[in-house]
Amino acid sequence: MRASFVFSEVITGLRRNVTMTIAMILTTAISLGLLGGGLLVVRLIDRMQTVYYDKTSVSVYMTNDISANDKDCSQQLCSSLWNALRSTSGVDTVTFENRDKSYERFKEMFAAQPEMLKVVRPEGLPASFRIKLTDPQRSDVIVQAFTGKAGVKAVDDGRQVLTKLFDLFGGVRNAAFVIALLQAFAALLLISNTIQVSAYTRRTEVGIMRLVGATRWYTQLPFLIEAVVAGLIGAVLSVGLLLGAKTFFLDKMLDAPIQAGIVPQLGKLDVLMVSPWLFLTAIVISVTTGYVTLRLYVRL
């Protein structure tokens, strides 16, 4: 098999159907870009879960009588709860906060919103235990064990808020994957149509090749390579789109949360880490679609 002949056939096919080739490349690039965006969201969620779950604590709020009358948790009911919390399996540390400490923390949290400080007074905040767990995933143990106990007003699992936040990120990821699948389907149709048109325009050359003894595989190979080349170009463009979106959109939009340590930063290395999956997806889609199209719809 002469490589130069196959290469020239590939170039000829891409040049003859230039508009369809461009459309195929752009559609592939968009679908792979959305797929890469979904993979980046997955990496972001994983990092945020690691950071936030490690910092998450469970809060056990005391009833009003304990909050008002036992500022140092020295009375029997409060101290017995403290001991019970410290002896619970999976608990790392237990810190008691009376109303004054809770109010000081409240003022730090809402320092930028003075109107909140005007309506909330120390006596309106309950005393609480803040529990740090060795395994943040086991916070349900504290919730089940201490909800409804004497002296306990409520048990707040900080993971619930985080779970809702991560569900929102998961929804964004799923939406990106769905759109990517639709775009991938459009790319499949374009690849199939491009191969059929390319085969039709070169039917005379292919017929002569078969008459002189060329195998079916030899005549099909240029069309498969055309599809792969277009898919790889689309993959390269999708990586460029991801890098551009990260640099000029995502970094600027999330600059304040990143600087505050609220959202971990995604670097260029993260884009490069998902790039092999985009190239692999482009090759698989191109080869599979090209082969099926040639076998079912094109007689070479």
Protein backbone atom coordinates (compact mmCIF):
# COMPACT_ATOMS: atom_id res chain seq x y z
CA MET A 1 0.00 0.00 0.00
CA ARG A 2 1.49 3.34 -1.04
CA ALA A 3 1.27 5.86 1.77
CA SER A 4 1.70 8.81 -0.60
CA PHE A 5 -1.35 7.74 -2.61
CA VAL A 6 -3.52 7.38 0.50
CA PHE A 7 -2.33 10.75 1.78
CA SER A 8 -3.11 12.48 -1.53
CA GLU A 9 -6.59 10.91 -1.57
CA VAL A 10 -7.24 12.19 1.97
CA ILE A 11 -6.18 15.73 1.03
CA THR A 12 -8.31 15.58 -2.13
CA GLY A 13 -11.38 14.41 -0.20
CA LEU A 14 -11.07 17.10 2.46
CA ARG A 15 -10.55 19.82 -0.15
CA ARG A 16 -13.39 18.72 -2.44
CA ASN A 17 -16.04 18.87 0.30
CA VAL A 18 -14.53 21.81 2.15
CA THR A 19 -17.81 23.29 3.41
CA MET A 20 -19.06 20.00 4.83
CA THR A 21 -15.61 19.31 6.27
CA ILE A 22 -15.58 22.68 8.04
CA ALA A 23 -19.10 22.07 9.37
CA MET A 24 -18.04 18.62 10.60
CA ILE A 25 -14.95 20.03 12.32
CA LEU A 26 -16.87 22.83 14.03
CA THR A 27 -19.66 20.54 15.20
CA THR A 28 -17.14 18.06 16.54
CA ALA A 29 -15.22 20.86 18.28
CA ILE A 30 -18.37 22.19 19.98
CA SER A 31 -19.52 18.75 21.13
CA LEU A 32 -16.06 17.86 22.46
CA GLY A 33 -15.76 21.28 24.09
CA LEU A 34 -19.01 20.71 25.97
CA LEU A 35 -17.84 17.24 26.94
CA GLY A 36 -14.56 18.72 28.21
CA GLY A 37 -16.50 21.38 30.11
CA GLY A 38 -18.50 18.66 31.83
CA LEU A 39 -15.30 16.82 32.76
CA LEU A 40 -13.83 20.05 34.18
CA VAL A 41 -16.96 20.57 36.27
CA VAL A 42 -16.50 17.04 37.63
CA ARG A 43 -12.92 17.88 38.63
CA LEU A 44 -14.09 21.13 40.25
CA ILE A 45 -16.81 19.34 42.22
CA ASP A 46 -14.36 16.70 43.43
CA ARG A 47 -11.96 19.37 44.67
CA MET A 48 -14.69 21.39 46.36
CA GLN A 49 -16.02 18.28 48.09
CA THR A 50 -12.56 17.46 49.39
CA VAL A 51 -11.98 21.02 50.67
CA TYR A 52 -15.43 21.73 52.11
CA TYR A 53 -16.25 18.36 53.60
CA ASP A 54 -12.96 18.46 55.50
CA LYS A 55 -13.95 21.84 56.94
CA THR A 56 -17.57 20.95 57.62
CA SER A 57 -18.68 20.65 61.23
CA VAL A 58 -21.92 19.51 62.84
CA SER A 59 -23.61 21.97 65.20
CA VAL A 60 -25.72 20.85 68.15
CA TYR A 61 -27.81 23.79 69.39
CA MET A 62 -28.86 23.99 73.04
CA THR A 63 -32.29 24.88 74.34
CA ASN A 64 -33.01 28.39 75.65
CA ASP A 65 -32.67 27.49 79.32
CA ILE A 66 -29.15 26.06 78.88
CA SER A 67 -28.14 28.94 76.58
CA ALA A 68 -29.29 31.52 79.14
CA ASN A 69 -28.18 29.89 82.41
CA ASP A 70 -25.07 27.81 81.65
CA LYS A 71 -22.42 29.96 79.98
CA ASP A 72 -19.51 27.60 80.64
CA CYS A 73 -21.37 24.27 80.23
CA SER A 74 -20.68 23.28 83.82
CA GLN A 75 -24.18 22.14 84.76
CA GLN A 76 -25.07 18.46 84.61
CA LEU A 77 -27.30 18.42 81.54
CA CYS A 78 -24.88 20.39 79.35
CA SER A 79 -21.74 18.64 80.61
CA SER A 80 -23.30 15.20 80.10
CA LEU A 81 -24.09 16.11 76.49
CA TRP A 82 -20.52 17.32 76.06
CA ASN A 83 -19.12 14.05 77.39
CA ALA A 84 -21.51 12.02 75.26
CA LEU A 85 -20.43 13.89 72.13
CA ARG A 86 -16.73 13.44 72.87
CA SER A 87 -17.20 9.71 73.44
CA THR A 88 -19.15 9.20 70.20
CA SER A 89 -17.31 7.16 67.59
CA GLY A 90 -15.90 9.25 64.72
CA VAL A 91 -15.78 12.53 66.67
CA ASP A 92 -12.46 14.37 66.52
CA THR A 93 -13.07 17.52 68.59
CA VAL A 94 -16.03 19.12 70.38
CA THR A 95 -16.07 22.87 71.07
CA PHE A 96 -18.66 24.62 73.22
CA GLU A 97 -19.81 28.10 72.23
CA ASN A 98 -22.00 30.12 74.56
CA ARG A 99 -24.20 32.95 73.39
CA ASP A 100 -21.44 35.56 73.61
CA LYS A 101 -19.03 33.53 71.49
CA SER A 102 -21.80 32.75 69.00
CA TYR A 103 -22.55 36.45 68.70
CA GLU A 104 -18.88 37.30 68.15
CA ARG A 105 -18.70 34.75 65.34
CA PHE A 106 -21.96 36.10 63.92
CA LYS A 107 -20.49 39.62 63.82
CA GLU A 108 -17.42 38.35 61.96
CA MET A 109 -19.57 36.52 59.41
CA PHE A 110 -21.83 39.52 58.71
CA ALA A 111 -19.28 42.32 59.15
CA ALA A 112 -20.13 43.56 55.65
CA GLN A 113 -23.88 43.69 56.45
CA PRO A 114 -24.33 46.07 59.41
CA GLU A 115 -28.10 45.93 59.05
CA MET A 116 -28.01 42.31 60.21
CA LEU A 117 -26.14 43.31 63.37
CA LYS A 118 -28.90 45.78 64.25
CA VAL A 119 -31.65 43.16 64.35
CA VAL A 120 -29.78 40.25 65.99
CA ARG A 121 -28.79 40.37 69.65
CA PRO A 122 -26.71 37.87 71.69
CA GLU A 123 -29.78 36.59 73.54
CA GLY A 124 -31.31 35.63 70.21
CA LEU A 125 -28.53 33.13 69.46
CA PRO A 126 -28.39 29.70 71.12
CA ALA A 127 -25.35 28.14 72.72
CA SER A 128 -24.00 25.25 70.69
CA PHE A 129 -21.49 22.45 70.37
CA ARG A 130 -19.40 22.48 67.18
CA ILE A 131 -18.26 18.95 66.34
CA LYS A 132 -15.36 18.16 64.01
CA LEU A 133 -15.51 14.61 62.67
CA THR A 134 -12.68 12.32 61.64
CA ASP A 135 -14.86 11.26 58.70
CA PRO A 136 -17.14 14.10 57.49
CA GLN A 137 -19.26 11.56 55.60
CA ARG A 138 -20.49 10.15 58.94
CA SER A 139 -22.23 13.29 60.14
CA ASP A 140 -25.56 11.44 60.06
CA VAL A 141 -24.40 9.48 63.14
CA ILE A 142 -24.44 12.68 65.25
CA VAL A 143 -27.76 13.79 63.78
CA GLN A 144 -29.49 10.50 64.58
CA ALA A 145 -27.92 10.08 68.02
CA PHE A 146 -28.58 13.57 69.43
CA THR A 147 -31.73 14.83 67.71
CA GLY A 148 -34.49 15.06 70.30
CA LYS A 149 -32.24 14.56 73.32
CA ALA A 150 -32.91 16.52 76.49
CA GLY A 151 -31.30 19.95 76.28
CA VAL A 152 -30.89 19.78 72.48
CA LYS A 153 -32.91 22.25 70.45
CA ALA A 154 -31.69 21.20 67.01
CA VAL A 155 -28.85 19.45 65.21
CA ASP A 156 -27.52 21.13 62.08
CA ASP A 157 -25.61 19.02 59.57
CA GLY A 158 -23.46 21.40 57.53
CA ARG A 159 -23.19 18.82 54.75
CA GLN A 160 -26.84 19.34 53.78
CA VAL A 161 -26.17 22.83 52.43
CA LEU A 162 -23.06 21.60 50.64
CA THR A 163 -24.98 18.69 49.16
CA LYS A 164 -27.51 21.10 47.63
CA LEU A 165 -24.67 23.20 46.24
CA PHE A 166 -22.97 20.17 44.72
CA ASP A 167 -26.30 18.98 43.30
CA LEU A 168 -26.53 22.34 41.51
CA PHE A 169 -23.04 21.84 40.06
CA GLY A 170 -24.05 18.32 39.11
CA GLY A 171 -27.04 19.70 37.23
CA VAL A 172 -24.76 22.03 35.26
CA ARG A 173 -22.48 19.09 34.48
CA ASN A 174 -25.40 16.90 33.34
CA ALA A 175 -26.76 19.70 31.14
CA ALA A 176 -23.34 20.05 29.49
CA PHE A 177 -23.21 16.29 28.88
CA VAL A 178 -26.73 16.25 27.36
CA ILE A 179 -25.92 19.11 24.98
CA ALA A 180 -22.63 17.40 24.14
CA LEU A 181 -24.49 14.21 23.25
CA LEU A 182 -26.85 16.12 20.96
CA GLN A 183 -23.92 17.85 19.30
CA ALA A 184 -22.11 14.51 19.00
CA PHE A 185 -25.16 13.05 17.25
CA ALA A 186 -25.11 15.97 14.81
CA ALA A 187 -21.39 15.32 14.26
CA LEU A 188 -22.13 11.66 13.53
CA LEU A 189 -24.65 12.64 10.86
CA LEU A 190 -22.24 15.12 9.31
CA ILE A 191 -19.41 12.58 9.26
CA SER A 192 -21.70 10.03 7.64
CA ASN A 193 -22.97 12.49 5.03
CA THR A 194 -19.47 13.78 4.28
CA ILE A 195 -18.17 10.26 3.69
CA GLN A 196 -21.11 9.41 1.42
CA VAL A 197 -20.64 12.59 -0.64
CA SER A 198 -16.88 12.06 -0.81
CA ALA A 199 -17.35 8.46 -1.95
CA TYR A 200 -19.89 9.55 -4.57
CA THR A 201 -17.64 12.24 -6.05
CA ARG A 202 -14.77 9.74 -6.32
CA ARG A 203 -16.80 6.78 -7.50
CA THR A 204 -14.96 6.64 -10.85
CA GLU A 205 -11.47 6.50 -9.25
CA VAL A 206 -12.65 3.92 -6.72
CA GLY A 207 -14.21 1.82 -9.49
CA ILE A 208 -10.94 1.79 -11.45
CA MET A 209 -9.00 0.83 -8.31
CA ARG A 210 -11.32 -2.13 -7.69
CA LEU A 211 -10.98 -3.25 -11.33
CA VAL A 212 -7.20 -3.37 -11.06
CA GLY A 213 -7.36 -5.50 -7.91
CA ALA A 214 -7.45 -3.04 -4.98
CA THR A 215 -9.02 -4.53 -1.87
CA ARG A 216 -12.10 -3.08 -0.19
CA TRP A 217 -9.98 -2.08 2.80
CA TYR A 218 -7.53 -0.19 0.56
CA THR A 219 -10.33 1.81 -1.06
CA GLN A 220 -12.06 2.52 2.26
CA LEU A 221 -8.97 3.64 4.17
CA PRO A 222 -8.74 7.21 2.73
CA PHE A 223 -12.35 7.90 3.77
CA LEU A 224 -11.71 6.65 7.30
CA ILE A 225 -8.56 8.78 7.58
CA GLU A 226 -10.50 11.82 6.35
CA ALA A 227 -13.01 11.37 9.16
CA VAL A 228 -10.25 10.87 11.73
CA VAL A 229 -8.31 13.93 10.54
CA ALA A 230 -11.43 16.10 10.73
CA GLY A 231 -12.21 14.70 14.20
CA LEU A 232 -8.68 15.38 15.47
CA ILE A 233 -8.78 18.94 14.15
CA GLY A 234 -12.09 19.35 15.97
CA ALA A 235 -10.46 17.98 19.16
CA VAL A 236 -7.60 20.47 18.87
CA LEU A 237 -10.12 23.30 18.45
CA SER A 238 -12.12 22.05 21.46
CA VAL A 239 -8.98 22.16 23.65
CA GLY A 240 -8.37 25.70 22.42
CA LEU A 241 -11.98 26.61 23.24
CA LEU A 242 -11.60 25.23 26.76
CA LEU A 243 -8.35 27.12 27.34
CA GLY A 244 -9.90 30.31 25.99
CA ALA A 245 -13.06 29.91 28.08
CA LYS A 246 -10.98 29.27 31.18
CA THR A 247 -8.63 32.22 30.63
CA PHE A 248 -11.03 34.89 29.40
CA PHE A 249 -14.32 33.87 31.03
CA LEU A 250 -14.11 31.41 33.93
CA ASP A 251 -11.07 32.92 35.67
CA LYS A 252 -12.51 36.44 35.47
CA MET A 253 -15.99 35.41 36.55
CA LEU A 254 -14.71 33.41 39.56
CA ASP A 255 -11.82 35.72 40.44
CA ALA A 256 -13.33 36.97 43.73
CA PRO A 257 -14.45 33.51 45.00
CA ILE A 258 -11.06 32.04 44.03
CA GLN A 259 -9.15 34.81 45.84
CA ALA A 260 -11.36 34.30 48.90
CA GLY A 261 -10.70 30.56 48.86
CA ILE A 262 -14.37 29.74 48.30
CA VAL A 263 -13.85 28.04 44.94
CA PRO A 264 -10.66 26.13 44.03
CA GLN A 265 -8.96 27.30 40.86
CA LEU A 266 -8.80 25.17 37.76
CA GLY A 267 -5.45 25.46 36.00
CA LYS A 268 -4.33 24.85 32.46
CA LEU A 269 -3.04 21.49 33.63
CA ASP A 270 -6.65 20.47 34.35
CA VAL A 271 -7.58 21.23 30.74
CA LEU A 272 -4.61 19.22 29.55
CA MET A 273 -5.64 16.35 31.83
CA VAL A 274 -9.05 16.03 30.14
CA SER A 275 -7.64 16.59 26.62
CA PRO A 276 -6.65 12.92 26.00
CA TRP A 277 -10.27 11.90 26.57
CA LEU A 278 -11.37 14.42 23.94
CA PHE A 279 -8.87 13.12 21.38
CA LEU A 280 -9.80 9.53 22.16
CA THR A 281 -13.52 10.33 21.82
CA ALA A 282 -12.89 12.09 18.48
CA ILE A 283 -10.99 9.09 17.10
CA VAL A 284 -13.56 6.53 18.28
CA ILE A 285 -16.51 8.51 16.92
CA SER A 286 -14.80 9.18 13.58
CA VAL A 287 -13.60 5.61 13.00
CA THR A 288 -16.85 3.98 14.15
CA THR A 289 -19.10 6.29 12.15
CA GLY A 290 -16.90 6.07 9.07
CA TYR A 291 -16.71 2.28 9.16
CA VAL A 292 -20.46 1.81 9.73
CA THR A 293 -21.29 4.29 6.95
CA LEU A 294 -18.98 2.59 4.47
CA ARG A 295 -20.34 -0.86 5.32
CA LEU A 296 -24.04 0.05 5.25
CA TYR A 297 -24.47 2.92 2.81
CA VAL A 298 -21.45 2.95 0.49
CA ARG A 299 -20.45 0.15 -1.87
CA LEU A 300 -16.74 0.34 -2.54
